[in-house]
Amino acid sequence: MRCVGCHALDGSGIVGPDIRPGEVLEKYASAEAMAAVVRDGIGEMPEFGSRLRDEEIVAVVAYVRGGLG
């Protein structure tokens, strides 16, 4: 729900980058690095650490790393 506005329902990107498997997994090889981006934000991406519980951040990262589905 919070990611779709920037990354599209399929992860292909609208104003945010494509987060489908491939380049995003190369850039953020570890789940911890990806979780830090979701939690703390980076560049144009806002932080979600104040809006999502740790378990939710882990779930978002698992969803993205698992191929968005």
PDB file of N, CA and C in Angstrom:
ATOM      1  N   MET A   1       0.829  -1.189   0.000  1.00  0.00           N
ATOM      2  CA  MET A   1       0.000   0.000   0.000  1.00  0.00           C
ATOM      3  C   MET A   1       0.879   1.261   0.000  1.00  0.00           C
ATOM      4  N   ARG A   2       1.935   1.273   0.798  1.00  0.00           N
ATOM      5  CA  ARG A   2       2.777   2.473   0.892  1.00  0.00           C
ATOM      6  C   ARG A   2       3.808   2.552  -0.226  1.00  0.00           C
ATOM      7  N   CYS A   3       4.090   1.448  -0.865  1.00  0.00           N
ATOM      8  CA  CYS A   3       5.157   1.397  -1.875  1.00  0.00           C
ATOM      9  C   CYS A   3       4.641   1.632  -3.295  1.00  0.00           C
ATOM     10  N   VAL A   4       3.391   1.300  -3.531  1.00  0.00           N
ATOM     11  CA  VAL A   4       2.818   1.306  -4.876  1.00  0.00           C
ATOM     12  C   VAL A   4       2.875   2.676  -5.551  1.00  0.00           C
ATOM     13  N   GLY A   5       2.664   3.739  -4.811  1.00  0.00           N
ATOM     14  CA  GLY A   5       2.650   5.076  -5.403  1.00  0.00           C
ATOM     15  C   GLY A   5       3.950   5.448  -6.086  1.00  0.00           C
ATOM     16  N   CYS A   6       5.049   4.918  -5.607  1.00  0.00           N
ATOM     17  CA  CYS A   6       6.361   5.220  -6.203  1.00  0.00           C
ATOM     18  C   CYS A   6       6.929   4.059  -7.015  1.00  0.00           C
ATOM     19  N   HIS A   7       6.661   2.830  -6.585  1.00  0.00           N
ATOM     20  CA  HIS A   7       7.298   1.676  -7.219  1.00  0.00           C
ATOM     21  C   HIS A   7       6.360   0.847  -8.091  1.00  0.00           C
ATOM     22  N   ALA A   8       5.097   1.199  -8.183  1.00  0.00           N
ATOM     23  CA  ALA A   8       4.077   0.495  -8.979  1.00  0.00           C
ATOM     24  C   ALA A   8       3.718  -0.845  -8.344  1.00  0.00           C
ATOM     25  N   LEU A   9       2.572  -1.346  -8.685  1.00  0.00           N
ATOM     26  CA  LEU A   9       2.072  -2.600  -8.125  1.00  0.00           C
ATOM     27  C   LEU A   9       3.012  -3.765  -8.434  1.00  0.00           C
ATOM     28  N   ASP A  10       3.606  -3.760  -9.605  1.00  0.00           N
ATOM     29  CA  ASP A  10       4.507  -4.855  -9.997  1.00  0.00           C
ATOM     30  C   ASP A  10       5.970  -4.570  -9.680  1.00  0.00           C
ATOM     31  N   GLY A  11       6.255  -3.431  -9.054  1.00  0.00           N
ATOM     32  CA  GLY A  11       7.620  -3.080  -8.688  1.00  0.00           C
ATOM     33  C   GLY A  11       8.432  -2.445  -9.798  1.00  0.00           C
ATOM     34  N   SER A  12       7.806  -2.176 -10.945  1.00  0.00           N
ATOM     35  CA  SER A  12       8.542  -1.662 -12.106  1.00  0.00           C
ATOM     36  C   SER A  12       8.949  -0.201 -11.986  1.00  0.00           C
ATOM     37  N   GLY A  13       8.383   0.503 -11.032  1.00  0.00           N
ATOM     38  CA  GLY A  13       8.767   1.891 -10.803  1.00  0.00           C
ATOM     39  C   GLY A  13       7.873   2.884 -11.508  1.00  0.00           C
ATOM     40  N   ILE A  14       7.564   3.955 -10.821  1.00  0.00           N
ATOM     41  CA  ILE A  14       6.809   5.088 -11.370  1.00  0.00           C
ATOM     42  C   ILE A  14       7.722   6.294 -11.191  1.00  0.00           C
ATOM     43  N   VAL A  15       7.735   6.867 -10.009  1.00  0.00           N
ATOM     44  CA  VAL A  15       8.701   7.918  -9.680  1.00  0.00           C
ATOM     45  C   VAL A  15       9.882   7.314  -8.920  1.00  0.00           C
ATOM     46  N   GLY A  16       9.665   6.165  -8.317  1.00  0.00           N
ATOM     47  CA  GLY A  16      10.738   5.443  -7.636  1.00  0.00           C
ATOM     48  C   GLY A  16      11.357   4.440  -8.596  1.00  0.00           C
ATOM     49  N   PRO A  17      12.506   3.890  -8.239  1.00  0.00           N
ATOM     50  CA  PRO A  17      13.174   2.942  -9.128  1.00  0.00           C
ATOM     51  C   PRO A  17      12.475   1.589  -9.203  1.00  0.00           C
ATOM     52  N   ASP A  18      12.818   0.859 -10.224  1.00  0.00           N
ATOM     53  CA  ASP A  18      12.374  -0.520 -10.405  1.00  0.00           C
ATOM     54  C   ASP A  18      12.940  -1.342  -9.248  1.00  0.00           C
ATOM     55  N   ILE A  19      12.073  -2.032  -8.515  1.00  0.00           N
ATOM     56  CA  ILE A  19      12.532  -2.849  -7.391  1.00  0.00           C
ATOM     57  C   ILE A  19      12.306  -4.337  -7.646  1.00  0.00           C
ATOM     58  N   ARG A  20      12.044  -4.686  -8.906  1.00  0.00           N
ATOM     59  CA  ARG A  20      11.918  -6.102  -9.229  1.00  0.00           C
ATOM     60  C   ARG A  20      13.293  -6.756  -9.129  1.00  0.00           C
ATOM     61  N   PRO A  21      13.323  -8.080  -8.984  1.00  0.00           N
ATOM     62  CA  PRO A  21      14.624  -8.759  -8.892  1.00  0.00           C
ATOM     63  C   PRO A  21      15.537  -8.363 -10.044  1.00  0.00           C
ATOM     64  N   GLY A  22      16.787  -8.292  -9.748  1.00  0.00           N
ATOM     65  CA  GLY A  22      17.782  -7.876 -10.731  1.00  0.00           C
ATOM     66  C   GLY A  22      18.665  -6.817 -10.117  1.00  0.00           C
ATOM     67  N   GLU A  23      18.596  -5.622 -10.668  1.00  0.00           N
ATOM     68  CA  GLU A  23      19.475  -4.532 -10.244  1.00  0.00           C
ATOM     69  C   GLU A  23      19.354  -4.218  -8.753  1.00  0.00           C
ATOM     70  N   VAL A  24      18.148  -4.231  -8.226  1.00  0.00           N
ATOM     71  CA  VAL A  24      17.981  -3.886  -6.803  1.00  0.00           C
ATOM     72  C   VAL A  24      18.677  -4.917  -5.909  1.00  0.00           C
ATOM     73  N   LEU A  25      18.671  -6.185  -6.312  1.00  0.00           N
ATOM     74  CA  LEU A  25      19.343  -7.208  -5.508  1.00  0.00           C
ATOM     75  C   LEU A  25      20.859  -7.133  -5.663  1.00  0.00           C
ATOM     76  N   GLU A  26      21.321  -6.629  -6.794  1.00  0.00           N
ATOM     77  CA  GLU A  26      22.754  -6.414  -6.963  1.00  0.00           C
ATOM     78  C   GLU A  26      23.219  -5.235  -6.110  1.00  0.00           C
ATOM     79  N   LYS A  27      22.412  -4.181  -6.089  1.00  0.00           N
ATOM     80  CA  LYS A  27      22.768  -2.976  -5.345  1.00  0.00           C
ATOM     81  C   LYS A  27      22.705  -3.205  -3.835  1.00  0.00           C
ATOM     82  N   TYR A  28      21.706  -3.951  -3.406  1.00  0.00           N
ATOM     83  CA  TYR A  28      21.517  -4.241  -1.980  1.00  0.00           C
ATOM     84  C   TYR A  28      21.564  -5.753  -1.801  1.00  0.00           C
ATOM     85  N   ALA A  29      22.763  -6.296  -1.807  1.00  0.00           N
ATOM     86  CA  ALA A  29      22.967  -7.740  -1.791  1.00  0.00           C
ATOM     87  C   ALA A  29      22.452  -8.411  -0.519  1.00  0.00           C
ATOM     88  N   SER A  30      22.452  -7.687   0.590  1.00  0.00           N
ATOM     89  CA  SER A  30      21.978  -8.298   1.835  1.00  0.00           C
ATOM     90  C   SER A  30      20.612  -7.740   2.221  1.00  0.00           C
ATOM     91  N   ALA A  31      19.869  -8.573   2.907  1.00  0.00           N
ATOM     92  CA  ALA A  31      18.563  -8.149   3.412  1.00  0.00           C
ATOM     93  C   ALA A  31      18.729  -6.993   4.399  1.00  0.00           C
ATOM     94  N   GLU A  32      19.816  -7.002   5.148  1.00  0.00           N
ATOM     95  CA  GLU A  32      20.060  -5.949   6.134  1.00  0.00           C
ATOM     96  C   GLU A  32      20.264  -4.602   5.452  1.00  0.00           C
ATOM     97  N   ALA A  33      20.989  -4.582   4.344  1.00  0.00           N
ATOM     98  CA  ALA A  33      21.215  -3.332   3.609  1.00  0.00           C
ATOM     99  C   ALA A  33      19.903  -2.799   3.047  1.00  0.00           C
ATOM    100  N   MET A  34      19.072  -3.694   2.526  1.00  0.00           N
ATOM    101  CA  MET A  34      17.782  -3.275   1.982  1.00  0.00           C
ATOM    102  C   MET A  34      16.864  -2.779   3.093  1.00  0.00           C
ATOM    103  N   ALA A  35      16.886  -3.461   4.233  1.00  0.00           N
ATOM    104  CA  ALA A  35      16.061  -3.040   5.370  1.00  0.00           C
ATOM    105  C   ALA A  35      16.470  -1.653   5.851  1.00  0.00           C
ATOM    106  N   ALA A  36      17.769  -1.354   5.825  1.00  0.00           N
ATOM    107  CA  ALA A  36      18.248  -0.036   6.236  1.00  0.00           C
ATOM    108  C   ALA A  36      17.692   1.051   5.331  1.00  0.00           C
ATOM    109  N   VAL A  37      17.593   0.777   4.037  1.00  0.00           N
ATOM    110  CA  VAL A  37      17.029   1.756   3.097  1.00  0.00           C
ATOM    111  C   VAL A  37      15.556   1.988   3.401  1.00  0.00           C
ATOM    112  N   VAL A  38      14.814   0.916   3.639  1.00  0.00           N
ATOM    113  CA  VAL A  38      13.390   1.054   3.962  1.00  0.00           C
ATOM    114  C   VAL A  38      13.235   1.806   5.282  1.00  0.00           C
ATOM    115  N   ARG A  39      14.016   1.439   6.270  1.00  0.00           N
ATOM    116  CA  ARG A  39      13.911   2.041   7.601  1.00  0.00           C
ATOM    117  C   ARG A  39      14.342   3.510   7.610  1.00  0.00           C
ATOM    118  N   ASP A  40      15.506   3.797   7.004  1.00  0.00           N
ATOM    119  CA  ASP A  40      16.125   5.116   7.130  1.00  0.00           C
ATOM    120  C   ASP A  40      15.914   6.030   5.932  1.00  0.00           C
ATOM    121  N   GLY A  41      15.495   5.459   4.798  1.00  0.00           N
ATOM    122  CA  GLY A  41      15.364   6.236   3.574  1.00  0.00           C
ATOM    123  C   GLY A  41      16.720   6.487   2.945  1.00  0.00           C
ATOM    124  N   ILE A  42      16.691   6.943   1.702  1.00  0.00           N
ATOM    125  CA  ILE A  42      17.921   7.276   0.982  1.00  0.00           C
ATOM    126  C   ILE A  42      17.522   8.100  -0.240  1.00  0.00           C
ATOM    127  N   GLY A  43      18.246   9.159  -0.491  1.00  0.00           N
ATOM    128  CA  GLY A  43      17.921   9.995  -1.649  1.00  0.00           C
ATOM    129  C   GLY A  43      16.474  10.454  -1.616  1.00  0.00           C
ATOM    130  N   GLU A  44      15.735  10.157  -2.663  1.00  0.00           N
ATOM    131  CA  GLU A  44      14.326  10.547  -2.774  1.00  0.00           C
ATOM    132  C   GLU A  44      13.390   9.667  -1.935  1.00  0.00           C
ATOM    133  N   MET A  45      13.886   8.494  -1.529  1.00  0.00           N
ATOM    134  CA  MET A  45      13.023   7.585  -0.776  1.00  0.00           C
ATOM    135  C   MET A  45      12.917   8.040   0.671  1.00  0.00           C
ATOM    136  N   PRO A  46      11.677   8.210   1.142  1.00  0.00           N
ATOM    137  CA  PRO A  46      11.492   8.618   2.545  1.00  0.00           C
ATOM    138  C   PRO A  46      11.797   7.465   3.493  1.00  0.00           C
ATOM    139  N   GLU A  47      11.999   7.791   4.740  1.00  0.00           N
ATOM    140  CA  GLU A  47      12.196   6.755   5.757  1.00  0.00           C
ATOM    141  C   GLU A  47      10.846   6.197   6.168  1.00  0.00           C
ATOM    142  N   PHE A  48      10.822   4.917   6.470  1.00  0.00           N
ATOM    143  CA  PHE A  48       9.600   4.278   6.942  1.00  0.00           C
ATOM    144  C   PHE A  48       9.771   3.701   8.339  1.00  0.00           C
ATOM    145  N   GLY A  49      10.923   3.939   8.949  1.00  0.00           N
ATOM    146  CA  GLY A  49      11.179   3.429  10.289  1.00  0.00           C
ATOM    147  C   GLY A  49      10.246   3.979  11.339  1.00  0.00           C
ATOM    148  N   SER A  50       9.728   5.173  11.110  1.00  0.00           N
ATOM    149  CA  SER A  50       8.789   5.760  12.072  1.00  0.00           C
ATOM    150  C   SER A  50       7.344   5.359  11.781  1.00  0.00           C
ATOM    151  N   ARG A  51       7.115   4.702  10.650  1.00  0.00           N
ATOM    152  CA  ARG A  51       5.754   4.334  10.258  1.00  0.00           C
ATOM    153  C   ARG A  51       5.504   2.835  10.214  1.00  0.00           C
ATOM    154  N   LEU A  52       6.591   2.066  10.158  1.00  0.00           N
ATOM    155  CA  LEU A  52       6.469   0.605  10.097  1.00  0.00           C
ATOM    156  C   LEU A  52       7.193  -0.021  11.275  1.00  0.00           C
ATOM    157  N   ARG A  53       6.607  -1.084  11.809  1.00  0.00           N
ATOM    158  CA  ARG A  53       7.282  -1.856  12.852  1.00  0.00           C
ATOM    159  C   ARG A  53       8.417  -2.655  12.208  1.00  0.00           C
ATOM    160  N   ASP A  54       9.374  -3.073  13.003  1.00  0.00           N
ATOM    161  CA  ASP A  54      10.500  -3.859  12.489  1.00  0.00           C
ATOM    162  C   ASP A  54      10.023  -5.084  11.715  1.00  0.00           C
ATOM    163  N   GLU A  55       8.979  -5.741  12.216  1.00  0.00           N
ATOM    164  CA  GLU A  55       8.453  -6.930  11.551  1.00  0.00           C
ATOM    165  C   GLU A  55       7.898  -6.594  10.166  1.00  0.00           C
ATOM    166  N   GLU A  56       7.307  -5.424  10.044  1.00  0.00           N
ATOM    167  CA  GLU A  56       6.766  -5.000   8.751  1.00  0.00           C
ATOM    168  C   GLU A  56       7.889  -4.688   7.765  1.00  0.00           C
ATOM    169  N   ILE A  57       8.956  -4.090   8.249  1.00  0.00           N
ATOM    170  CA  ILE A  57      10.107  -3.815   7.382  1.00  0.00           C
ATOM    171  C   ILE A  57      10.709  -5.127   6.904  1.00  0.00           C
ATOM    172  N   VAL A  58      10.846  -6.089   7.790  1.00  0.00           N
ATOM    173  CA  VAL A  58      11.353  -7.414   7.412  1.00  0.00           C
ATOM    174  C   VAL A  58      10.440  -8.035   6.353  1.00  0.00           C
ATOM    175  N   ALA A  59       9.132  -7.889   6.501  1.00  0.00           N
ATOM    176  CA  ALA A  59       8.181  -8.446   5.535  1.00  0.00           C
ATOM    177  C   ALA A  59       8.301  -7.761   4.176  1.00  0.00           C
ATOM    178  N   VAL A  60       8.478  -6.454   4.156  1.00  0.00           N
ATOM    179  CA  VAL A  60       8.644  -5.714   2.899  1.00  0.00           C
ATOM    180  C   VAL A  60       9.899  -6.202   2.183  1.00  0.00           C
ATOM    181  N   VAL A  61      10.982  -6.313   2.915  1.00  0.00           N
ATOM    182  CA  VAL A  61      12.251  -6.756   2.327  1.00  0.00           C
ATOM    183  C   VAL A  61      12.110  -8.186   1.789  1.00  0.00           C
ATOM    184  N   ALA A  62      11.481  -9.057   2.545  1.00  0.00           N
ATOM    185  CA  ALA A  62      11.285 -10.439   2.090  1.00  0.00           C
ATOM    186  C   ALA A  62      10.431 -10.477   0.823  1.00  0.00           C
ATOM    187  N   TYR A  63       9.428  -9.647   0.770  1.00  0.00           N
ATOM    188  CA  TYR A  63       8.555  -9.571  -0.419  1.00  0.00           C
ATOM    189  C   TYR A  63       9.347  -9.128  -1.644  1.00  0.00           C
ATOM    190  N   VAL A  64      10.132  -8.088  -1.503  1.00  0.00           N
ATOM    191  CA  VAL A  64      10.940  -7.596  -2.630  1.00  0.00           C
ATOM    192  C   VAL A  64      11.989  -8.623  -3.025  1.00  0.00           C
ATOM    193  N   ARG A  65      12.708  -9.164  -2.053  1.00  0.00           N
ATOM    194  CA  ARG A  65      13.767 -10.135  -2.345  1.00  0.00           C
ATOM    195  C   ARG A  65      13.205 -11.443  -2.884  1.00  0.00           C
ATOM    196  N   GLY A  66      11.962 -11.729  -2.576  1.00  0.00           N
ATOM    197  CA  GLY A  66      11.326 -12.965  -3.053  1.00  0.00           C
ATOM    198  C   GLY A  66      10.680 -12.814  -4.424  1.00  0.00           C
ATOM    199  N   GLY A  67      10.896 -11.723  -5.091  1.00  0.00           N
ATOM    200  CA  GLY A  67      10.352 -11.545  -6.441  1.00  0.00           C
ATOM    201  C   GLY A  67       8.999 -10.861  -6.469  1.00  0.00           C
ATOM    202  N   LEU A  68       8.640 -10.179  -5.400  1.00  0.00           N
ATOM    203  CA  LEU A  68       7.376  -9.429  -5.301  1.00  0.00           C
ATOM    204  C   LEU A  68       6.155 -10.337  -5.369  1.00  0.00           C
ATOM    205  N   GLY A  69       6.247 -11.448  -4.703  1.00  0.00           N
ATOM    206  CA  GLY A  69       5.064 -12.280  -4.679  1.00  0.00           C
ATOM    207  C   GLY A  69       5.261 -13.626  -4.158  1.00  0.00           C
TER     208      GLY A  69
END
